[in-house]
Amino acid sequence: MARRAARYYMYRRWVWEKHGYLGKGNRVVIPRCVVEFIRERYREPNCPCQSGGALYACTAHGYTGHREAPPPVDE
């Protein structure tokens, strides 16, 4: 869980450094090179994927990639 939390923190930190505070529900696509670097640095133990491209597409360990924000809820 510690590596997953570290990846989550690093993704959020990169977005904050690049775009500033986005607000709830606002998302941006993180570039492939940044995702690859973070996943390589904080990869899961025993991950069978090779570095240098495969980690970007790896979904074996909970890597989900970009997801669109859900539609706003009318209140």
C-alpha atoms as a PDB file:
ATOM      1  CA  MET A   1       0.000   0.000   0.000  1.00  0.00           C
ATOM      2  CA  ALA A   2       2.883   2.395   0.654  1.00  0.00           C
ATOM      3  CA  ARG A   3       4.022   2.352  -2.992  1.00  0.00           C
ATOM      4  CA  ARG A   4       0.502   2.914  -4.239  1.00  0.00           C
ATOM      5  CA  ALA A   5       0.106   5.864  -1.881  1.00  0.00           C
ATOM      6  CA  ALA A   6       3.468   7.226  -3.023  1.00  0.00           C
ATOM      7  CA  ARG A   7       2.401   7.037  -6.681  1.00  0.00           C
ATOM      8  CA  TYR A   8      -0.882   8.766  -5.877  1.00  0.00           C
ATOM      9  CA  TYR A   9       0.953  11.522  -4.035  1.00  0.00           C
ATOM     10  CA  MET A  10       3.460  11.987  -6.856  1.00  0.00           C
ATOM     11  CA  TYR A  11       0.720  12.206  -9.504  1.00  0.00           C
ATOM     12  CA  ARG A  12      -1.117  14.823  -7.450  1.00  0.00           C
ATOM     13  CA  ARG A  13       2.096  16.696  -6.722  1.00  0.00           C
ATOM     14  CA  TRP A  14       3.026  16.817 -10.414  1.00  0.00           C
ATOM     15  CA  VAL A  15      -0.427  18.142 -11.357  1.00  0.00           C
ATOM     16  CA  TRP A  16      -0.264  20.755  -8.608  1.00  0.00           C
ATOM     17  CA  GLU A  17       3.207  21.903  -9.698  1.00  0.00           C
ATOM     18  CA  LYS A  18       2.211  22.093 -13.371  1.00  0.00           C
ATOM     19  CA  HIS A  19      -1.407  23.356 -13.191  1.00  0.00           C
ATOM     20  CA  GLY A  20      -1.963  24.564  -9.642  1.00  0.00           C
ATOM     21  CA  TYR A  21      -5.108  23.720  -7.703  1.00  0.00           C
ATOM     22  CA  LEU A  22      -7.747  22.347 -10.071  1.00  0.00           C
ATOM     23  CA  GLY A  23     -10.679  21.851  -7.717  1.00  0.00           C
ATOM     24  CA  LYS A  24     -12.970  18.917  -7.127  1.00  0.00           C
ATOM     25  CA  GLY A  25     -13.750  16.812 -10.186  1.00  0.00           C
ATOM     26  CA  ASN A  26     -11.322  18.633 -12.484  1.00  0.00           C
ATOM     27  CA  ARG A  27      -8.746  16.315 -14.010  1.00  0.00           C
ATOM     28  CA  VAL A  28      -5.928  16.541 -16.507  1.00  0.00           C
ATOM     29  CA  VAL A  29      -4.076  13.884 -18.466  1.00  0.00           C
ATOM     30  CA  ILE A  30      -0.606  13.311 -17.062  1.00  0.00           C
ATOM     31  CA  PRO A  31       1.968  12.852 -19.850  1.00  0.00           C
ATOM     32  CA  ARG A  32       3.149   9.334 -20.575  1.00  0.00           C
ATOM     33  CA  CYS A  33       6.759  10.152 -19.634  1.00  0.00           C
ATOM     34  CA  VAL A  34       5.689  11.354 -16.167  1.00  0.00           C
ATOM     35  CA  VAL A  35       3.500   8.292 -15.549  1.00  0.00           C
ATOM     36  CA  GLU A  36       6.306   6.010 -16.707  1.00  0.00           C
ATOM     37  CA  PHE A  37       8.835   7.713 -14.408  1.00  0.00           C
ATOM     38  CA  ILE A  38       6.562   7.539 -11.342  1.00  0.00           C
ATOM     39  CA  ARG A  39       5.591   3.909 -11.957  1.00  0.00           C
ATOM     40  CA  GLU A  40       9.231   2.944 -12.439  1.00  0.00           C
ATOM     41  CA  ARG A  41      10.286   4.765  -9.266  1.00  0.00           C
ATOM     42  CA  TYR A  42       7.451   3.359  -7.124  1.00  0.00           C
ATOM     43  CA  ARG A  43       6.703   0.091  -8.894  1.00  0.00           C
ATOM     44  CA  GLU A  44       5.004  -2.816  -7.186  1.00  0.00           C
ATOM     45  CA  PRO A  45       7.233  -5.679  -6.030  1.00  0.00           C
ATOM     46  CA  ASN A  46       7.370  -8.628  -8.441  1.00  0.00           C
ATOM     47  CA  CYS A  47       5.806  -6.654 -11.290  1.00  0.00           C
ATOM     48  CA  PRO A  48       6.384  -8.745 -14.436  1.00  0.00           C
ATOM     49  CA  CYS A  49       6.269  -5.709 -16.736  1.00  0.00           C
ATOM     50  CA  GLN A  50       9.445  -4.376 -18.300  1.00  0.00           C
ATOM     51  CA  SER A  51      10.294  -0.713 -17.894  1.00  0.00           C
ATOM     52  CA  GLY A  52      10.545   1.593 -20.874  1.00  0.00           C
ATOM     53  CA  GLY A  53       6.970   1.538 -22.107  1.00  0.00           C
ATOM     54  CA  ALA A  54       5.226  -1.491 -20.674  1.00  0.00           C
ATOM     55  CA  LEU A  55       4.580   0.104 -17.278  1.00  0.00           C
ATOM     56  CA  TYR A  56       2.440   2.792 -18.902  1.00  0.00           C
ATOM     57  CA  ALA A  57      -0.015   0.134 -20.094  1.00  0.00           C
ATOM     58  CA  CYS A  58       0.316  -2.197 -17.076  1.00  0.00           C
ATOM     59  CA  THR A  59      -2.979  -2.843 -15.269  1.00  0.00           C
ATOM     60  CA  ALA A  60      -1.804  -5.859 -13.258  1.00  0.00           C
ATOM     61  CA  HIS A  61      -1.341  -3.920 -10.010  1.00  0.00           C
ATOM     62  CA  GLY A  62      -4.166  -1.465  -9.939  1.00  0.00           C
ATOM     63  CA  TYR A  63      -2.680   0.962 -12.456  1.00  0.00           C
ATOM     64  CA  THR A  64      -5.746   2.507 -14.028  1.00  0.00           C
ATOM     65  CA  GLY A  65      -4.478   5.441 -16.014  1.00  0.00           C
ATOM     66  CA  HIS A  66      -6.616   8.426 -16.937  1.00  0.00           C
ATOM     67  CA  ARG A  67     -10.297   8.332 -16.088  1.00  0.00           C
ATOM     68  CA  GLU A  68     -12.759  10.989 -17.109  1.00  0.00           C
ATOM     69  CA  ALA A  69     -14.343  12.984 -14.313  1.00  0.00           C
ATOM     70  CA  PRO A  70     -17.930  11.975 -13.500  1.00  0.00           C
ATOM     71  CA  PRO A  71     -20.640  14.379 -14.660  1.00  0.00           C
ATOM     72  CA  PRO A  72     -21.542  17.096 -12.130  1.00  0.00           C
ATOM     73  CA  VAL A  73     -24.411  16.360  -9.807  1.00  0.00           C
ATOM     74  CA  ASP A  74     -27.202  18.929  -9.828  1.00  0.00           C
ATOM     75  CA  GLU A  75     -28.157  19.966  -6.326  1.00  0.00           C
END
